[in-house]
Amino acid sequence: MGRLVPAVTRALDILELFLDGDGTLSAPDIVRKLQLPRTTVHELVTTLAARKYIVPVTGQPGRYRLGVRPYQLGSRYAEQLDLAAEGQQVARSVAETCDETVHVAILEDTDVIYIAKVDSTHAVRMVSAAGRRLPAHCTSVGKMLLASLPEPELAARIPDGAGLVAMTPNSITDPAVLREALTEIRRRGLAVENRESNPDVSCVAAPVRDRTGQVVAALSISVPMIRWSEERRAELEQLAVKGAAELSEHLGHRSVA
């Protein structure tokens, strides 16, 4: 690794300040927030403005907002995003931490499709594959994704009286019971599957959001029942939330503290 260039670091620090507040700043604001010399800030602001990274705010002399160049860079980044590739990268990191099977899945109609998967190294582990399709209501990722749908869309996909297939004796087959479960998932921001798609496996899942804040996928951690406990569940829930947040960040989502 080469050394960091101080001038570049300071310029980026200035740009990142525009992410907070009302999105406008003056040079004195920047001096105060970054504790930099006024001359340095003036030179950096002048350079950023000349390159269209920031522009003057109309009717507010001395104040600046982000210019077109950050938008152009962000748009190019978004064009190059590959959810499956980004998901595989994050899933690998999560799996290395917990040594359990990690999936990333998307919703299609009333099914989930696994688009990324990293296996546990344990001899006893969940057997699955990227590209596999399962009924959403039987999986933690699927329930997480269903819970993220607007109510009219959920009702259209799973109307009252719909027949829900059972994959195990623990599978939810009543739409009313499913809706109760989804309400709790929305409240917690987490989904848990208790041997509903595989009688020997339980899972936890958290939502993955894109730059607009929309839920576009879910990340899950699957654990054979021989390694499952309430303590382990709590640990994996935190890890799933962290992994899903990391993948969301890769997709351009910025959480609000």
Protein backbone atom coordinates (compact mmCIF):
# COMPACT_ATOMS: atom_id res chain seq x y z
CA MET A 1 0.00 0.00 0.00
CA GLY A 2 1.30 3.46 -0.92
CA ARG A 3 0.91 6.42 1.39
CA LEU A 4 -2.26 8.50 1.44
CA VAL A 5 -2.06 11.88 -0.28
CA PRO A 6 -3.16 14.52 2.27
CA ALA A 7 -4.61 16.95 -0.28
CA VAL A 8 -6.75 14.24 -1.87
CA THR A 9 -7.91 13.03 1.55
CA ARG A 10 -8.95 16.55 2.51
CA ALA A 11 -10.81 17.07 -0.75
CA LEU A 12 -12.73 13.84 -0.22
CA ASP A 13 -13.45 14.82 3.38
CA ILE A 14 -15.02 18.02 2.07
CA LEU A 15 -17.18 16.18 -0.46
CA GLU A 16 -18.41 13.74 2.21
CA LEU A 17 -19.55 16.65 4.39
CA PHE A 18 -22.27 17.33 1.79
CA LEU A 19 -23.90 14.00 2.69
CA ASP A 20 -25.23 15.48 5.92
CA GLY A 21 -27.51 18.38 6.81
CA ASP A 22 -29.29 20.22 4.00
CA GLY A 23 -26.55 19.44 1.48
CA THR A 24 -25.11 22.97 1.37
CA LEU A 25 -21.94 24.31 2.98
CA SER A 26 -19.88 27.48 3.11
CA ALA A 27 -16.10 27.67 3.41
CA PRO A 28 -16.36 28.72 7.09
CA ASP A 29 -18.60 25.66 7.70
CA ILE A 30 -15.89 23.43 6.24
CA VAL A 31 -13.14 25.11 8.26
CA ARG A 32 -15.13 24.58 11.45
CA LYS A 33 -16.13 20.96 10.74
CA LEU A 34 -12.75 19.72 9.49
CA GLN A 35 -10.50 22.02 11.55
CA LEU A 36 -8.46 22.93 8.47
CA PRO A 37 -6.69 26.23 7.72
CA ARG A 38 -8.86 28.74 5.88
CA THR A 39 -6.31 29.06 3.05
CA THR A 40 -6.29 25.30 2.53
CA VAL A 41 -10.09 25.14 2.45
CA HIS A 42 -10.27 28.06 0.02
CA GLU A 43 -7.85 26.33 -2.38
CA LEU A 44 -9.66 23.00 -2.17
CA VAL A 45 -13.10 24.57 -2.62
CA THR A 46 -11.84 26.56 -5.61
CA THR A 47 -10.43 23.39 -7.18
CA LEU A 48 -13.56 21.31 -6.54
CA ALA A 49 -15.74 24.08 -7.98
CA ALA A 50 -13.53 24.40 -11.08
CA ARG A 51 -13.94 20.65 -11.70
CA LYS A 52 -17.75 20.79 -11.17
CA TYR A 53 -17.69 18.61 -8.05
CA ILE A 54 -19.37 21.45 -6.17
CA VAL A 55 -21.29 24.47 -7.48
CA PRO A 56 -22.51 27.75 -5.92
CA VAL A 57 -26.03 27.75 -4.49
CA THR A 58 -28.23 30.20 -6.37
CA GLY A 59 -29.31 33.10 -4.16
CA GLN A 60 -26.98 32.08 -1.30
CA PRO A 61 -23.60 33.75 -1.85
CA GLY A 62 -20.66 31.81 -0.45
CA ARG A 63 -22.56 28.51 -0.15
CA TYR A 64 -22.03 25.41 -2.25
CA ARG A 65 -23.84 22.18 -3.08
CA LEU A 66 -22.72 19.04 -4.89
CA GLY A 67 -22.27 19.45 -8.64
CA VAL A 68 -22.89 17.13 -11.54
CA ARG A 69 -19.60 15.20 -11.39
CA PRO A 70 -20.40 13.16 -8.24
CA TYR A 71 -23.74 12.24 -9.84
CA GLN A 72 -22.02 11.11 -13.01
CA LEU A 73 -19.55 8.99 -11.06
CA GLY A 74 -22.35 7.48 -8.96
CA SER A 75 -24.39 6.68 -12.06
CA ARG A 76 -21.44 4.91 -13.66
CA TYR A 77 -20.90 2.92 -10.45
CA ALA A 78 -24.60 1.92 -10.41
CA GLU A 79 -24.41 0.78 -14.04
CA GLN A 80 -21.58 -1.59 -13.19
CA LEU A 81 -23.23 -3.14 -10.14
CA ASP A 82 -23.86 -6.87 -10.27
CA LEU A 83 -26.07 -7.99 -7.36
CA ALA A 84 -25.02 -11.63 -7.69
CA ALA A 85 -21.30 -10.81 -7.76
CA GLU A 86 -21.56 -8.32 -4.90
CA GLY A 87 -23.70 -10.80 -2.97
CA GLN A 88 -21.19 -13.60 -3.46
CA GLN A 89 -18.40 -11.39 -2.15
CA VAL A 90 -20.29 -10.39 1.00
CA ALA A 91 -21.63 -13.92 1.54
CA ARG A 92 -18.05 -15.22 1.50
CA SER A 93 -17.04 -12.71 4.15
CA VAL A 94 -20.00 -13.61 6.38
CA ALA A 95 -19.39 -17.36 5.93
CA GLU A 96 -15.73 -16.94 6.90
CA THR A 97 -16.87 -15.30 10.12
CA CYS A 98 -19.49 -17.83 11.22
CA ASP A 99 -18.53 -20.94 9.19
CA GLU A 100 -22.15 -21.59 8.28
CA THR A 101 -23.88 -21.59 4.89
CA VAL A 102 -24.78 -18.11 3.64
CA HIS A 103 -27.26 -17.29 0.87
CA VAL A 104 -28.37 -14.17 -0.96
CA ALA A 105 -31.78 -14.44 -2.63
CA ILE A 106 -34.26 -12.38 -4.61
CA LEU A 107 -38.05 -12.63 -4.87
CA GLU A 108 -39.81 -13.72 -8.05
CA ASP A 109 -43.60 -13.89 -7.77
CA THR A 110 -44.07 -16.14 -4.71
CA ASP A 111 -40.71 -17.92 -4.93
CA VAL A 112 -37.18 -17.03 -3.92
CA ILE A 113 -34.22 -17.61 -6.19
CA TYR A 114 -30.80 -18.00 -4.63
CA ILE A 115 -28.33 -15.85 -6.55
CA ALA A 116 -25.28 -16.34 -4.31
CA LYS A 117 -24.18 -19.04 -1.91
CA VAL A 118 -21.11 -19.87 0.17
CA ASP A 119 -20.91 -23.20 1.98
CA SER A 120 -19.89 -23.98 5.51
CA THR A 121 -16.73 -26.05 5.92
CA HIS A 122 -18.47 -28.33 8.44
CA ALA A 123 -19.12 -31.92 7.41
CA VAL A 124 -22.77 -31.44 8.43
CA ARG A 125 -24.16 -28.50 6.47
CA MET A 126 -27.10 -27.37 4.38
CA VAL A 127 -27.12 -28.76 0.82
CA SER A 128 -28.31 -26.20 -1.73
CA ALA A 129 -27.13 -24.33 -4.82
CA ALA A 130 -27.21 -20.90 -6.40
CA GLY A 131 -30.07 -20.80 -8.89
CA ARG A 132 -32.33 -22.96 -6.74
CA ARG A 133 -35.96 -21.84 -6.41
CA LEU A 134 -38.08 -22.39 -3.29
CA PRO A 135 -41.51 -21.20 -2.07
CA ALA A 136 -40.86 -17.85 -0.38
CA HIS A 137 -43.13 -18.51 2.61
CA CYS A 138 -41.03 -21.54 3.61
CA THR A 139 -37.70 -19.69 3.89
CA SER A 140 -36.27 -16.93 6.03
CA VAL A 141 -35.08 -14.98 2.97
CA GLY A 142 -38.50 -15.38 1.37
CA LYS A 143 -40.42 -14.24 4.42
CA MET A 144 -38.08 -11.26 4.74
CA LEU A 145 -38.76 -10.31 1.13
CA LEU A 146 -42.52 -10.86 1.39
CA ALA A 147 -42.60 -8.72 4.53
CA SER A 148 -40.98 -5.90 2.55
CA LEU A 149 -43.77 -5.77 -0.05
CA PRO A 150 -46.50 -3.11 0.11
CA GLU A 151 -49.69 -4.66 1.47
CA PRO A 152 -51.63 -4.46 -1.86
CA GLU A 153 -48.80 -6.23 -3.68
CA LEU A 154 -48.54 -8.89 -0.99
CA ALA A 155 -52.32 -9.49 -1.15
CA ALA A 156 -52.12 -9.82 -4.93
CA ARG A 157 -49.35 -12.41 -4.71
CA ILE A 158 -50.79 -14.34 -1.76
CA PRO A 159 -54.55 -13.68 -1.53
CA ASP A 160 -56.69 -14.88 1.35
CA GLY A 161 -57.56 -18.51 0.81
CA ALA A 162 -54.49 -19.21 -1.30
CA GLY A 163 -53.05 -22.68 -0.95
CA LEU A 164 -49.53 -22.58 0.45
CA VAL A 165 -47.39 -25.65 -0.14
CA ALA A 166 -45.79 -27.36 2.86
CA MET A 167 -42.17 -28.45 2.56
CA THR A 168 -42.00 -29.74 6.15
CA PRO A 169 -44.49 -30.16 9.01
CA ASN A 170 -43.33 -26.72 10.26
CA SER A 171 -44.16 -24.88 7.03
CA ILE A 172 -46.80 -22.15 7.21
CA THR A 173 -49.77 -23.09 5.03
CA ASP A 174 -52.38 -20.55 6.13
CA PRO A 175 -52.12 -17.06 4.53
CA ALA A 176 -53.54 -15.47 7.70
CA VAL A 177 -50.83 -17.08 9.83
CA LEU A 178 -48.24 -16.01 7.29
CA ARG A 179 -49.44 -12.41 7.49
CA GLU A 180 -49.10 -12.46 11.27
CA ALA A 181 -45.55 -13.74 10.90
CA LEU A 182 -44.73 -11.05 8.32
CA THR A 183 -46.03 -8.33 10.64
CA GLU A 184 -43.58 -9.47 13.31
CA ILE A 185 -40.76 -9.65 10.72
CA ARG A 186 -41.45 -6.05 9.67
CA ARG A 187 -41.34 -4.99 13.32
CA ARG A 188 -38.02 -6.72 13.99
CA GLY A 189 -36.38 -6.21 10.61
CA LEU A 190 -35.32 -9.86 10.76
CA ALA A 191 -36.79 -13.19 9.69
CA VAL A 192 -36.27 -16.60 11.25
CA GLU A 193 -37.08 -19.94 9.68
CA ASN A 194 -37.64 -22.81 12.06
CA ARG A 195 -37.18 -25.99 9.97
CA GLU A 196 -39.78 -24.80 7.47
CA SER A 197 -37.98 -25.73 4.25
CA ASN A 198 -35.70 -28.42 5.62
CA PRO A 199 -36.53 -30.45 8.75
CA ASP A 200 -32.90 -30.37 9.85
CA VAL A 201 -32.07 -26.70 9.27
CA SER A 202 -33.01 -23.32 10.72
CA CYS A 203 -32.11 -19.93 9.22
CA VAL A 204 -32.03 -16.21 9.93
CA ALA A 205 -32.29 -13.47 7.30
CA ALA A 206 -31.98 -9.70 6.98
CA PRO A 207 -33.00 -7.30 4.18
CA VAL A 208 -30.67 -5.92 1.51
CA ARG A 209 -31.51 -2.44 0.17
CA ASP A 210 -30.45 -0.55 -2.93
CA ARG A 211 -29.51 3.13 -3.14
CA THR A 212 -33.20 4.16 -3.07
CA GLY A 213 -33.83 2.25 0.15
CA GLN A 214 -35.93 -0.41 -1.55
CA VAL A 215 -35.46 -4.02 -0.41
CA VAL A 216 -34.06 -5.89 -3.42
CA ALA A 217 -32.71 -9.06 -1.80
CA ALA A 218 -32.17 -10.80 1.51
CA LEU A 219 -29.13 -12.41 3.10
CA SER A 220 -29.51 -15.53 5.23
CA ILE A 221 -27.39 -17.79 7.39
CA SER A 222 -28.46 -21.45 7.54
CA VAL A 223 -27.55 -23.74 10.42
CA PRO A 224 -28.13 -27.49 10.99
CA MET A 225 -30.16 -28.11 14.13
CA ILE A 226 -27.23 -29.86 15.80
CA ARG A 227 -25.50 -26.44 15.97
CA TRP A 228 -28.64 -24.35 16.59
CA SER A 229 -29.49 -22.73 19.92
CA GLU A 230 -31.09 -19.50 21.10
CA GLU A 231 -27.66 -18.07 21.86
CA ARG A 232 -26.40 -19.05 18.42
CA ARG A 233 -29.52 -17.62 16.80
CA ALA A 234 -28.93 -14.24 18.45
CA GLU A 235 -25.30 -14.21 17.28
CA LEU A 236 -26.25 -15.08 13.72
CA GLU A 237 -29.03 -12.50 13.61
CA GLN A 238 -26.49 -9.78 14.37
CA LEU A 239 -24.13 -11.17 11.75
CA ALA A 240 -26.89 -11.38 9.13
CA VAL A 241 -27.87 -7.76 9.80
CA LYS A 242 -24.23 -6.68 9.50
CA GLY A 243 -23.74 -8.66 6.28
CA ALA A 244 -26.96 -7.36 4.73
CA ALA A 245 -25.97 -3.80 5.65
CA GLU A 246 -22.57 -4.29 4.03
CA LEU A 247 -24.16 -5.60 0.83
CA SER A 248 -26.64 -2.71 0.89
CA GLU A 249 -23.73 -0.30 1.13
CA HIS A 250 -22.14 -1.97 -1.90
CA LEU A 251 -25.40 -1.27 -3.74
CA GLY A 252 -25.28 2.41 -2.84
CA HIS A 253 -27.60 2.42 0.16
CA ARG A 254 -26.72 4.88 2.90
CA SER A 255 -28.26 4.11 6.25
CA VAL A 256 -29.52 6.96 8.38
CA ALA A 257 -28.10 6.88 11.90
